[in-house]
Amino acid sequence: REFEDVITSRAELLALWEQGWKCVFDALDTVTPDNFDTTVYIRAQAHTIIDAVNRQLCHYAYHVGQLVLLGRILKGEGWRSLSIPRGGSSTFNQEKFGRGAHGGHFTDDLK
């Protein structure tokens, strides 16, 4: 089903999302100290397990960028930047540094 426009509902999208992430975590669960140095092949190219994981993380980052772009297009004027809005570094820094050192998650302000 790769690259096919066949998803017809939110429920189907979420089911496929969960199925995809299950595949990732099931694969990671097989990594042990005993097999950590194993060579794995991606499209016939040899990788260490660390290189394969890093390659995949970079691939995910690419797709996250695609999702953010789609979100920005779909929300239009209602879009809230996920980081610092264009031209807003000074204001952003004043707000952040004005709080002093604190805990929390960097996405807390997006809620």
PDB file of N, CA and C in Angstrom:
ATOM      1  N   ARG A   1       0.822  -1.205   0.000  1.00  0.00           N
ATOM      2  CA  ARG A   1       0.000   0.000   0.000  1.00  0.00           C
ATOM      3  C   ARG A   1       0.859   1.259   0.000  1.00  0.00           C
ATOM      4  N   GLU A   2       2.132   1.097  -0.162  1.00  0.00           N
ATOM      5  CA  GLU A   2       3.018   2.257  -0.124  1.00  0.00           C
ATOM      6  C   GLU A   2       2.698   3.236  -1.248  1.00  0.00           C
ATOM      7  N   PHE A   3       2.584   4.505  -0.885  1.00  0.00           N
ATOM      8  CA  PHE A   3       2.356   5.609  -1.814  1.00  0.00           C
ATOM      9  C   PHE A   3       1.018   5.522  -2.535  1.00  0.00           C
ATOM     10  N   GLU A   4       0.068   4.840  -1.941  1.00  0.00           N
ATOM     11  CA  GLU A   4      -1.267   4.766  -2.526  1.00  0.00           C
ATOM     12  C   GLU A   4      -2.213   5.635  -1.714  1.00  0.00           C
ATOM     13  N   ASP A   5      -3.096   6.318  -2.397  1.00  0.00           N
ATOM     14  CA  ASP A   5      -4.076   7.187  -1.746  1.00  0.00           C
ATOM     15  C   ASP A   5      -5.343   6.377  -1.477  1.00  0.00           C
ATOM     16  N   VAL A   6      -5.285   5.513  -0.460  1.00  0.00           N
ATOM     17  CA  VAL A   6      -6.415   4.618  -0.208  1.00  0.00           C
ATOM     18  C   VAL A   6      -7.001   4.765   1.193  1.00  0.00           C
ATOM     19  N   ILE A   7      -6.458   5.631   2.003  1.00  0.00           N
ATOM     20  CA  ILE A   7      -6.963   5.806   3.364  1.00  0.00           C
ATOM     21  C   ILE A   7      -8.228   6.644   3.287  1.00  0.00           C
ATOM     22  N   THR A   8      -9.306   6.105   3.847  1.00  0.00           N
ATOM     23  CA  THR A   8     -10.608   6.765   3.686  1.00  0.00           C
ATOM     24  C   THR A   8     -11.185   7.331   4.975  1.00  0.00           C
ATOM     25  N   SER A   9     -10.516   7.084   6.103  1.00  0.00           N
ATOM     26  CA  SER A   9     -11.072   7.587   7.360  1.00  0.00           C
ATOM     27  C   SER A   9      -9.959   7.830   8.373  1.00  0.00           C
ATOM     28  N   ARG A  10     -10.288   8.618   9.362  1.00  0.00           N
ATOM     29  CA  ARG A  10      -9.350   8.875  10.460  1.00  0.00           C
ATOM     30  C   ARG A  10      -9.015   7.567  11.177  1.00  0.00           C
ATOM     31  N   ALA A  11     -10.023   6.732  11.395  1.00  0.00           N
ATOM     32  CA  ALA A  11      -9.803   5.462  12.090  1.00  0.00           C
ATOM     33  C   ALA A  11      -8.813   4.587  11.319  1.00  0.00           C
ATOM     34  N   GLU A  12      -8.960   4.537  10.004  1.00  0.00           N
ATOM     35  CA  GLU A  12      -8.044   3.740   9.187  1.00  0.00           C
ATOM     36  C   GLU A  12      -6.630   4.329   9.239  1.00  0.00           C
ATOM     37  N   LEU A  13      -6.527   5.643   9.181  1.00  0.00           N
ATOM     38  CA  LEU A  13      -5.226   6.303   9.267  1.00  0.00           C
ATOM     39  C   LEU A  13      -4.542   5.971  10.588  1.00  0.00           C
ATOM     40  N   LEU A  14      -5.280   6.086  11.694  1.00  0.00           N
ATOM     41  CA  LEU A  14      -4.694   5.811  13.006  1.00  0.00           C
ATOM     42  C   LEU A  14      -4.311   4.343  13.157  1.00  0.00           C
ATOM     43  N   ALA A  15      -5.101   3.443  12.590  1.00  0.00           N
ATOM     44  CA  ALA A  15      -4.766   2.018  12.648  1.00  0.00           C
ATOM     45  C   ALA A  15      -3.457   1.749  11.899  1.00  0.00           C
ATOM     46  N   LEU A  16      -3.302   2.351  10.731  1.00  0.00           N
ATOM     47  CA  LEU A  16      -2.066   2.178   9.970  1.00  0.00           C
ATOM     48  C   LEU A  16      -0.884   2.839  10.672  1.00  0.00           C
ATOM     49  N   TRP A  17      -1.127   3.981  11.304  1.00  0.00           N
ATOM     50  CA  TRP A  17      -0.100   4.677  12.082  1.00  0.00           C
ATOM     51  C   TRP A  17       0.408   3.756  13.192  1.00  0.00           C
ATOM     52  N   GLU A  18      -0.520   3.177  13.951  1.00  0.00           N
ATOM     53  CA  GLU A  18      -0.148   2.278  15.051  1.00  0.00           C
ATOM     54  C   GLU A  18       0.570   1.038  14.530  1.00  0.00           C
ATOM     55  N   GLN A  19       0.109   0.500  13.417  1.00  0.00           N
ATOM     56  CA  GLN A  19       0.741  -0.677  12.817  1.00  0.00           C
ATOM     57  C   GLN A  19       2.190  -0.361  12.424  1.00  0.00           C
ATOM     58  N   GLY A  20       2.407   0.800  11.845  1.00  0.00           N
ATOM     59  CA  GLY A  20       3.758   1.196  11.450  1.00  0.00           C
ATOM     60  C   GLY A  20       4.691   1.354  12.634  1.00  0.00           C
ATOM     61  N   TRP A  21       4.223   2.045  13.684  1.00  0.00           N
ATOM     62  CA  TRP A  21       5.069   2.235  14.862  1.00  0.00           C
ATOM     63  C   TRP A  21       5.295   0.919  15.595  1.00  0.00           C
ATOM     64  N   LYS A  22       4.315   0.014  15.591  1.00  0.00           N
ATOM     65  CA  LYS A  22       4.505  -1.302  16.206  1.00  0.00           C
ATOM     66  C   LYS A  22       5.653  -2.035  15.522  1.00  0.00           C
ATOM     67  N   CYS A  23       5.711  -1.933  14.215  1.00  0.00           N
ATOM     68  CA  CYS A  23       6.791  -2.559  13.452  1.00  0.00           C
ATOM     69  C   CYS A  23       8.151  -2.018  13.898  1.00  0.00           C
ATOM     70  N   VAL A  24       8.248  -0.715  14.062  1.00  0.00           N
ATOM     71  CA  VAL A  24       9.504  -0.084  14.495  1.00  0.00           C
ATOM     72  C   VAL A  24       9.909  -0.595  15.872  1.00  0.00           C
ATOM     73  N   PHE A  25       8.984  -0.521  16.827  1.00  0.00           N
ATOM     74  CA  PHE A  25       9.334  -0.897  18.194  1.00  0.00           C
ATOM     75  C   PHE A  25       9.548  -2.399  18.341  1.00  0.00           C
ATOM     76  N   ASP A  26       8.833  -3.210  17.572  1.00  0.00           N
ATOM     77  CA  ASP A  26       9.095  -4.652  17.588  1.00  0.00           C
ATOM     78  C   ASP A  26      10.516  -4.940  17.102  1.00  0.00           C
ATOM     79  N   ALA A  27      10.947  -4.229  16.061  1.00  0.00           N
ATOM     80  CA  ALA A  27      12.311  -4.419  15.554  1.00  0.00           C
ATOM     81  C   ALA A  27      13.339  -3.973  16.593  1.00  0.00           C
ATOM     82  N   LEU A  28      13.107  -2.828  17.227  1.00  0.00           N
ATOM     83  CA  LEU A  28      14.048  -2.344  18.244  1.00  0.00           C
ATOM     84  C   LEU A  28      14.112  -3.282  19.444  1.00  0.00           C
ATOM     85  N   ASP A  29      12.990  -3.921  19.761  1.00  0.00           N
ATOM     86  CA  ASP A  29      12.964  -4.855  20.891  1.00  0.00           C
ATOM     87  C   ASP A  29      13.841  -6.079  20.655  1.00  0.00           C
ATOM     88  N   THR A  30      14.213  -6.349  19.411  1.00  0.00           N
ATOM     89  CA  THR A  30      15.056  -7.516  19.128  1.00  0.00           C
ATOM     90  C   THR A  30      16.541  -7.220  19.318  1.00  0.00           C
ATOM     91  N   VAL A  31      16.887  -5.955  19.491  1.00  0.00           N
ATOM     92  CA  VAL A  31      18.297  -5.585  19.656  1.00  0.00           C
ATOM     93  C   VAL A  31      18.731  -5.886  21.091  1.00  0.00           C
ATOM     94  N   THR A  32      19.833  -6.606  21.206  1.00  0.00           N
ATOM     95  CA  THR A  32      20.379  -6.980  22.509  1.00  0.00           C
ATOM     96  C   THR A  32      21.882  -6.709  22.504  1.00  0.00           C
ATOM     97  N   PRO A  33      22.506  -6.740  23.680  1.00  0.00           N
ATOM     98  CA  PRO A  33      23.972  -6.603  23.696  1.00  0.00           C
ATOM     99  C   PRO A  33      24.663  -7.680  22.852  1.00  0.00           C
ATOM    100  N   ASP A  34      24.045  -8.857  22.747  1.00  0.00           N
ATOM    101  CA  ASP A  34      24.659  -9.950  21.990  1.00  0.00           C
ATOM    102  C   ASP A  34      24.605  -9.743  20.481  1.00  0.00           C
ATOM    103  N   ASN A  35      23.604  -9.012  19.989  1.00  0.00           N
ATOM    104  CA  ASN A  35      23.507  -8.836  18.535  1.00  0.00           C
ATOM    105  C   ASN A  35      23.704  -7.382  18.096  1.00  0.00           C
ATOM    106  N   PHE A  36      24.136  -6.554  19.019  1.00  0.00           N
ATOM    107  CA  PHE A  36      24.257  -5.118  18.752  1.00  0.00           C
ATOM    108  C   PHE A  36      25.206  -4.810  17.596  1.00  0.00           C
ATOM    109  N   ASP A  37      26.230  -5.625  17.420  1.00  0.00           N
ATOM    110  CA  ASP A  37      27.214  -5.391  16.354  1.00  0.00           C
ATOM    111  C   ASP A  37      26.839  -6.051  15.034  1.00  0.00           C
ATOM    112  N   THR A  38      25.639  -6.583  14.944  1.00  0.00           N
ATOM    113  CA  THR A  38      25.185  -7.249  13.729  1.00  0.00           C
ATOM    114  C   THR A  38      25.075  -6.255  12.579  1.00  0.00           C
ATOM    115  N   THR A  39      25.452  -6.700  11.397  1.00  0.00           N
ATOM    116  CA  THR A  39      25.257  -5.896  10.194  1.00  0.00           C
ATOM    117  C   THR A  39      23.857  -6.172   9.669  1.00  0.00           C
ATOM    118  N   VAL A  40      23.131  -5.103   9.373  1.00  0.00           N
ATOM    119  CA  VAL A  40      21.801  -5.235   8.764  1.00  0.00           C
ATOM    120  C   VAL A  40      21.861  -4.596   7.385  1.00  0.00           C
ATOM    121  N   TYR A  41      20.974  -5.031   6.515  1.00  0.00           N
ATOM    122  CA  TYR A  41      20.977  -4.540   5.141  1.00  0.00           C
ATOM    123  C   TYR A  41      19.681  -3.809   4.839  1.00  0.00           C
ATOM    124  N   ILE A  42      19.818  -2.627   4.300  1.00  0.00           N
ATOM    125  CA  ILE A  42      18.671  -1.845   3.844  1.00  0.00           C
ATOM    126  C   ILE A  42      18.869  -1.646   2.352  1.00  0.00           C
ATOM    127  N   ARG A  43      17.988  -2.231   1.572  1.00  0.00           N
ATOM    128  CA  ARG A  43      18.089  -2.190   0.110  1.00  0.00           C
ATOM    129  C   ARG A  43      19.489  -2.611  -0.352  1.00  0.00           C
ATOM    130  N   ALA A  44      19.955  -3.716   0.238  1.00  0.00           N
ATOM    131  CA  ALA A  44      21.228  -4.370  -0.088  1.00  0.00           C
ATOM    132  C   ALA A  44      22.459  -3.580   0.355  1.00  0.00           C
ATOM    133  N   GLN A  45      22.291  -2.520   1.127  1.00  0.00           N
ATOM    134  CA  GLN A  45      23.420  -1.739   1.629  1.00  0.00           C
ATOM    135  C   GLN A  45      23.640  -2.069   3.101  1.00  0.00           C
ATOM    136  N   ALA A  46      24.881  -2.414   3.451  1.00  0.00           N
ATOM    137  CA  ALA A  46      25.219  -2.808   4.820  1.00  0.00           C
ATOM    138  C   ALA A  46      25.204  -1.605   5.761  1.00  0.00           C
ATOM    139  N   HIS A  47      24.648  -1.827   6.960  1.00  0.00           N
ATOM    140  CA  HIS A  47      24.605  -0.809   8.010  1.00  0.00           C
ATOM    141  C   HIS A  47      24.840  -1.486   9.357  1.00  0.00           C
ATOM    142  N   THR A  48      25.479  -0.764  10.271  1.00  0.00           N
ATOM    143  CA  THR A  48      25.441  -1.216  11.655  1.00  0.00           C
ATOM    144  C   THR A  48      24.021  -0.936  12.156  1.00  0.00           C
ATOM    145  N   ILE A  49      23.664  -1.523  13.264  1.00  0.00           N
ATOM    146  CA  ILE A  49      22.328  -1.270  13.810  1.00  0.00           C
ATOM    147  C   ILE A  49      22.167   0.217  14.138  1.00  0.00           C
ATOM    148  N   ILE A  50      23.198   0.820  14.718  1.00  0.00           N
ATOM    149  CA  ILE A  50      23.127   2.255  15.040  1.00  0.00           C
ATOM    150  C   ILE A  50      22.948   3.079  13.767  1.00  0.00           C
ATOM    151  N   ASP A  51      23.695   2.752  12.716  1.00  0.00           N
ATOM    152  CA  ASP A  51      23.547   3.490  11.455  1.00  0.00           C
ATOM    153  C   ASP A  51      22.150   3.310  10.871  1.00  0.00           C
ATOM    154  N   ALA A  52      21.605   2.112  10.983  1.00  0.00           N
ATOM    155  CA  ALA A  52      20.257   1.866  10.459  1.00  0.00           C
ATOM    156  C   ALA A  52      19.217   2.668  11.238  1.00  0.00           C
ATOM    157  N   VAL A  53      19.362   2.704  12.560  1.00  0.00           N
ATOM    158  CA  VAL A  53      18.427   3.483  13.383  1.00  0.00           C
ATOM    159  C   VAL A  53      18.559   4.971  13.061  1.00  0.00           C
ATOM    160  N   ASN A  54      19.788   5.466  12.964  1.00  0.00           N
ATOM    161  CA  ASN A  54      19.989   6.879  12.621  1.00  0.00           C
ATOM    162  C   ASN A  54      19.432   7.208  11.243  1.00  0.00           C
ATOM    163  N   ARG A  55      19.629   6.310  10.291  1.00  0.00           N
ATOM    164  CA  ARG A  55      19.074   6.516   8.948  1.00  0.00           C
ATOM    165  C   ARG A  55      17.558   6.638   9.029  1.00  0.00           C
ATOM    166  N   GLN A  56      16.942   5.765   9.800  1.00  0.00           N
ATOM    167  CA  GLN A  56      15.484   5.779   9.911  1.00  0.00           C
ATOM    168  C   GLN A  56      14.986   7.039  10.613  1.00  0.00           C
ATOM    169  N   LEU A  57      15.693   7.471  11.654  1.00  0.00           N
ATOM    170  CA  LEU A  57      15.308   8.707  12.345  1.00  0.00           C
ATOM    171  C   LEU A  57      15.369   9.907  11.403  1.00  0.00           C
ATOM    172  N   CYS A  58      16.392   9.952  10.566  1.00  0.00           N
ATOM    173  CA  CYS A  58      16.475  11.038   9.572  1.00  0.00           C
ATOM    174  C   CYS A  58      15.323  10.948   8.583  1.00  0.00           C
ATOM    175  N   HIS A  59      14.966   9.746   8.202  1.00  0.00           N
ATOM    176  CA  HIS A  59      13.845   9.547   7.284  1.00  0.00           C
ATOM    177  C   HIS A  59      12.544  10.037   7.924  1.00  0.00           C
ATOM    178  N   TYR A  60      12.365   9.727   9.205  1.00  0.00           N
ATOM    179  CA  TYR A  60      11.166  10.203   9.910  1.00  0.00           C
ATOM    180  C   TYR A  60      11.135  11.724   9.965  1.00  0.00           C
ATOM    181  N   ALA A  61      12.296  12.340  10.209  1.00  0.00           N
ATOM    182  CA  ALA A  61      12.348  13.804  10.272  1.00  0.00           C
ATOM    183  C   ALA A  61      11.892  14.418   8.956  1.00  0.00           C
ATOM    184  N   TYR A  62      12.253  13.799   7.857  1.00  0.00           N
ATOM    185  CA  TYR A  62      11.817  14.272   6.538  1.00  0.00           C
ATOM    186  C   TYR A  62      10.292  14.254   6.456  1.00  0.00           C
ATOM    187  N   HIS A  63       9.698  13.145   6.885  1.00  0.00           N
ATOM    188  CA  HIS A  63       8.238  13.027   6.823  1.00  0.00           C
ATOM    189  C   HIS A  63       7.546  13.953   7.822  1.00  0.00           C
ATOM    190  N   VAL A  64       8.152  14.173   8.973  1.00  0.00           N
ATOM    191  CA  VAL A  64       7.582  15.133   9.924  1.00  0.00           C
ATOM    192  C   VAL A  64       7.519  16.510   9.272  1.00  0.00           C
ATOM    193  N   GLY A  65       8.564  16.879   8.550  1.00  0.00           N
ATOM    194  CA  GLY A  65       8.554  18.143   7.825  1.00  0.00           C
ATOM    195  C   GLY A  65       7.414  18.216   6.826  1.00  0.00           C
ATOM    196  N   GLN A  66       7.148  17.110   6.146  1.00  0.00           N
ATOM    197  CA  GLN A  66       6.021  17.073   5.211  1.00  0.00           C
ATOM    198  C   GLN A  66       4.698  17.278   5.946  1.00  0.00           C
ATOM    199  N   LEU A  67       4.545  16.622   7.091  1.00  0.00           N
ATOM    200  CA  LEU A  67       3.311  16.754   7.868  1.00  0.00           C
ATOM    201  C   LEU A  67       3.123  18.177   8.382  1.00  0.00           C
ATOM    202  N   VAL A  68       4.213  18.786   8.835  1.00  0.00           N
ATOM    203  CA  VAL A  68       4.130  20.164   9.318  1.00  0.00           C
ATOM    204  C   VAL A  68       3.728  21.093   8.176  1.00  0.00           C
ATOM    205  N   LEU A  69       4.317  20.908   7.006  1.00  0.00           N
ATOM    206  CA  LEU A  69       3.959  21.740   5.858  1.00  0.00           C
ATOM    207  C   LEU A  69       2.481  21.585   5.515  1.00  0.00           C
ATOM    208  N   LEU A  70       1.991  20.353   5.502  1.00  0.00           N
ATOM    209  CA  LEU A  70       0.566  20.131   5.225  1.00  0.00           C
ATOM    210  C   LEU A  70      -0.309  20.793   6.284  1.00  0.00           C
ATOM    211  N   GLY A  71       0.083  20.664   7.552  1.00  0.00           N
ATOM    212  CA  GLY A  71      -0.675  21.309   8.622  1.00  0.00           C
ATOM    213  C   GLY A  71      -0.716  22.811   8.448  1.00  0.00           C
ATOM    214  N   ARG A  72       0.420  23.369   8.084  1.00  0.00           N
ATOM    215  CA  ARG A  72       0.500  24.821   7.884  1.00  0.00           C
ATOM    216  C   ARG A  72      -0.399  25.262   6.727  1.00  0.00           C
ATOM    217  N   ILE A  73      -0.394  24.506   5.649  1.00  0.00           N
ATOM    218  CA  ILE A  73      -1.236  24.829   4.494  1.00  0.00           C
ATOM    219  C   ILE A  73      -2.710  24.709   4.862  1.00  0.00           C
ATOM    220  N   LEU A  74      -3.069  23.621   5.551  1.00  0.00           N
ATOM    221  CA  LEU A  74      -4.476  23.381   5.886  1.00  0.00           C
ATOM    222  C   LEU A  74      -5.017  24.384   6.901  1.00  0.00           C
ATOM    223  N   LYS A  75      -4.198  24.782   7.869  1.00  0.00           N
ATOM    224  CA  LYS A  75      -4.653  25.726   8.901  1.00  0.00           C
ATOM    225  C   LYS A  75      -4.621  27.173   8.420  1.00  0.00           C
ATOM    226  N   GLY A  76      -3.807  27.463   7.434  1.00  0.00           N
ATOM    227  CA  GLY A  76      -3.741  28.822   6.903  1.00  0.00           C
ATOM    228  C   GLY A  76      -3.402  29.838   7.978  1.00  0.00           C
ATOM    229  N   GLU A  77      -4.228  30.871   8.089  1.00  0.00           N
ATOM    230  CA  GLU A  77      -3.984  31.943   9.056  1.00  0.00           C
ATOM    231  C   GLU A  77      -4.071  31.456  10.504  1.00  0.00           C
ATOM    232  N   GLY A  78      -4.722  30.317  10.737  1.00  0.00           N
ATOM    233  CA  GLY A  78      -4.853  29.785  12.087  1.00  0.00           C
ATOM    234  C   GLY A  78      -3.642  28.998  12.562  1.00  0.00           C
ATOM    235  N   TRP A  79      -2.621  28.884  11.708  1.00  0.00           N
ATOM    236  CA  TRP A  79      -1.430  28.110  12.053  1.00  0.00           C
ATOM    237  C   TRP A  79      -0.647  28.780  13.166  1.00  0.00           C
ATOM    238  N   ARG A  80      -0.229  27.977  14.155  1.00  0.00           N
ATOM    239  CA  ARG A  80       0.681  28.436  15.213  1.00  0.00           C
ATOM    240  C   ARG A  80       2.020  27.749  15.000  1.00  0.00           C
ATOM    241  N   SER A  81       3.063  28.536  14.937  1.00  0.00           N
ATOM    242  CA  SER A  81       4.398  27.995  14.710  1.00  0.00           C
ATOM    243  C   SER A  81       4.744  26.977  15.794  1.00  0.00           C
ATOM    244  N   LEU A  82       5.442  25.929  15.410  1.00  0.00           N
ATOM    245  CA  LEU A  82       5.887  24.926  16.373  1.00  0.00           C
ATOM    246  C   LEU A  82       7.154  25.366  17.102  1.00  0.00           C
ATOM    247  N   SER A  83       7.775  26.416  16.612  1.00  0.00           N
ATOM    248  CA  SER A  83       8.970  26.924  17.287  1.00  0.00           C
ATOM    249  C   SER A  83       8.879  28.440  17.382  1.00  0.00           C
ATOM    250  N   ILE A  84       9.763  29.142  16.742  1.00  0.00           N
ATOM    251  CA  ILE A  84       9.780  30.606  16.816  1.00  0.00           C
ATOM    252  C   ILE A  84       9.173  31.158  15.534  1.00  0.00           C
ATOM    253  N   PRO A  85       8.103  31.926  15.643  1.00  0.00           N
ATOM    254  CA  PRO A  85       7.497  32.505  14.438  1.00  0.00           C
ATOM    255  C   PRO A  85       8.491  33.411  13.708  1.00  0.00           C
ATOM    256  N   ARG A  86       8.373  33.461  12.404  1.00  0.00           N
ATOM    257  CA  ARG A  86       9.253  34.299  11.587  1.00  0.00           C
ATOM    258  C   ARG A  86       9.262  35.734  12.126  1.00  0.00           C
ATOM    259  N   GLY A  87      10.453  36.246  12.350  1.00  0.00           N
ATOM    260  CA  GLY A  87      10.603  37.611  12.845  1.00  0.00           C
ATOM    261  C   GLY A  87      10.312  37.776  14.329  1.00  0.00           C
ATOM    262  N   GLY A  88      10.095  36.670  15.025  1.00  0.00           N
ATOM    263  CA  GLY A  88       9.682  36.765  16.416  1.00  0.00           C
ATOM    264  C   GLY A  88      10.709  36.326  17.439  1.00  0.00           C
ATOM    265  N   SER A  89      11.977  36.232  17.056  1.00  0.00           N
ATOM    266  CA  SER A  89      13.003  35.735  17.984  1.00  0.00           C
ATOM    267  C   SER A  89      13.116  36.580  19.244  1.00  0.00           C
ATOM    268  N   SER A  90      13.122  37.891  19.090  1.00  0.00           N
ATOM    269  CA  SER A  90      13.295  38.771  20.248  1.00  0.00           C
ATOM    270  C   SER A  90      12.159  38.595  21.249  1.00  0.00           C
ATOM    271  N   THR A  91      10.922  38.634  20.770  1.00  0.00           N
ATOM    272  CA  THR A  91       9.757  38.458  21.645  1.00  0.00           C
ATOM    273  C   THR A  91       9.768  37.078  22.284  1.00  0.00           C
ATOM    274  N   PHE A  92      10.054  36.059  21.480  1.00  0.00           N
ATOM    275  CA  PHE A  92      10.092  34.685  21.963  1.00  0.00           C
ATOM    276  C   PHE A  92      11.119  34.547  23.088  1.00  0.00           C
ATOM    277  N   ASN A  93      12.317  35.076  22.863  1.00  0.00           N
ATOM    278  CA  ASN A  93      13.375  34.976  23.876  1.00  0.00           C
ATOM    279  C   ASN A  93      13.025  35.739  25.146  1.00  0.00           C
ATOM    280  N   GLN A  94      12.408  36.905  25.016  1.00  0.00           N
ATOM    281  CA  GLN A  94      12.000  37.666  26.202  1.00  0.00           C
ATOM    282  C   GLN A  94      11.014  36.857  27.041  1.00  0.00           C
ATOM    283  N   GLU A  95      10.054  36.214  26.373  1.00  0.00           N
ATOM    284  CA  GLU A  95       9.066  35.405  27.103  1.00  0.00           C
ATOM    285  C   GLU A  95       9.727  34.208  27.775  1.00  0.00           C
ATOM    286  N   LYS A  96      10.572  33.502  27.042  1.00  0.00           N
ATOM    287  CA  LYS A  96      11.203  32.296  27.585  1.00  0.00           C
ATOM    288  C   LYS A  96      12.169  32.624  28.722  1.00  0.00           C
ATOM    289  N   PHE A  97      13.051  33.579  28.504  1.00  0.00           N
ATOM    290  CA  PHE A  97      14.032  33.913  29.530  1.00  0.00           C
ATOM    291  C   PHE A  97      13.391  34.650  30.693  1.00  0.00           C
ATOM    292  N   GLY A  98      12.267  35.304  30.453  1.00  0.00           N
ATOM    293  CA  GLY A  98      11.547  36.001  31.513  1.00  0.00           C
ATOM    294  C   GLY A  98      10.979  35.056  32.556  1.00  0.00           C
ATOM    295  N   ARG A  99      10.779  33.817  32.211  1.00  0.00           N
ATOM    296  CA  ARG A  99      10.256  32.814  33.153  1.00  0.00           C
ATOM    297  C   ARG A  99      11.324  32.304  34.105  1.00  0.00           C
ATOM    298  N   GLY A 100      12.572  32.448  33.725  1.00  0.00           N
ATOM    299  CA  GLY A 100      13.641  31.844  34.504  1.00  0.00           C
ATOM    300  C   GLY A 100      13.699  30.348  34.226  1.00  0.00           C
ATOM    301  N   ALA A 101      14.625  29.681  34.890  1.00  0.00           N
ATOM    302  CA  ALA A 101      14.779  28.241  34.698  1.00  0.00           C
ATOM    303  C   ALA A 101      13.525  27.530  35.196  1.00  0.00           C
ATOM    304  N   HIS A 102      13.034  26.590  34.408  1.00  0.00           N
ATOM    305  CA  HIS A 102      11.815  25.863  34.782  1.00  0.00           C
ATOM    306  C   HIS A 102      11.781  24.513  34.076  1.00  0.00           C
ATOM    307  N   GLY A 103      10.905  23.657  34.519  1.00  0.00           N
ATOM    308  CA  GLY A 103      10.747  22.339  33.924  1.00  0.00           C
ATOM    309  C   GLY A 103       9.669  22.372  32.859  1.00  0.00           C
ATOM    310  N   GLY A 104       9.203  21.206  32.504  1.00  0.00           N
ATOM    311  CA  GLY A 104       8.154  21.099  31.503  1.00  0.00           C
ATOM    312  C   GLY A 104       8.702  20.610  30.179  1.00  0.00           C
ATOM    313  N   HIS A 105       7.832  20.572  29.203  1.00  0.00           N
ATOM    314  CA  HIS A 105       8.170  20.106  27.865  1.00  0.00           C
ATOM    315  C   HIS A 105       8.079  21.278  26.907  1.00  0.00           C
ATOM    316  N   PHE A 106       8.927  21.286  25.895  1.00  0.00           N
ATOM    317  CA  PHE A 106       8.960  22.434  24.990  1.00  0.00           C
ATOM    318  C   PHE A 106       7.664  22.631  24.212  1.00  0.00           C
ATOM    319  N   THR A 107       6.794  21.631  24.186  1.00  0.00           N
ATOM    320  CA  THR A 107       5.513  21.783  23.480  1.00  0.00           C
ATOM    321  C   THR A 107       4.378  22.225  24.400  1.00  0.00           C
ATOM    322  N   ASP A 108       4.661  22.433  25.688  1.00  0.00           N
ATOM    323  CA  ASP A 108       3.595  22.800  26.629  1.00  0.00           C
ATOM    324  C   ASP A 108       2.838  24.052  26.197  1.00  0.00           C
ATOM    325  N   ASP A 109       3.522  25.001  25.591  1.00  0.00           N
ATOM    326  CA  ASP A 109       2.871  26.252  25.181  1.00  0.00           C
ATOM    327  C   ASP A 109       1.982  26.094  23.951  1.00  0.00           C
ATOM    328  N   LEU A 110       2.034  24.949  23.298  1.00  0.00           N
ATOM    329  CA  LEU A 110       1.215  24.728  22.102  1.00  0.00           C
ATOM    330  C   LEU A 110      -0.162  24.180  22.440  1.00  0.00           C
ATOM    331  N   LYS A 111      -0.372  23.808  23.676  1.00  0.00           N
ATOM    332  CA  LYS A 111      -1.638  23.187  24.074  1.00  0.00           C
ATOM    333  C   LYS A 111      -2.732  24.211  24.229  1.00  0.00           C
TER     334      LYS A 111
END
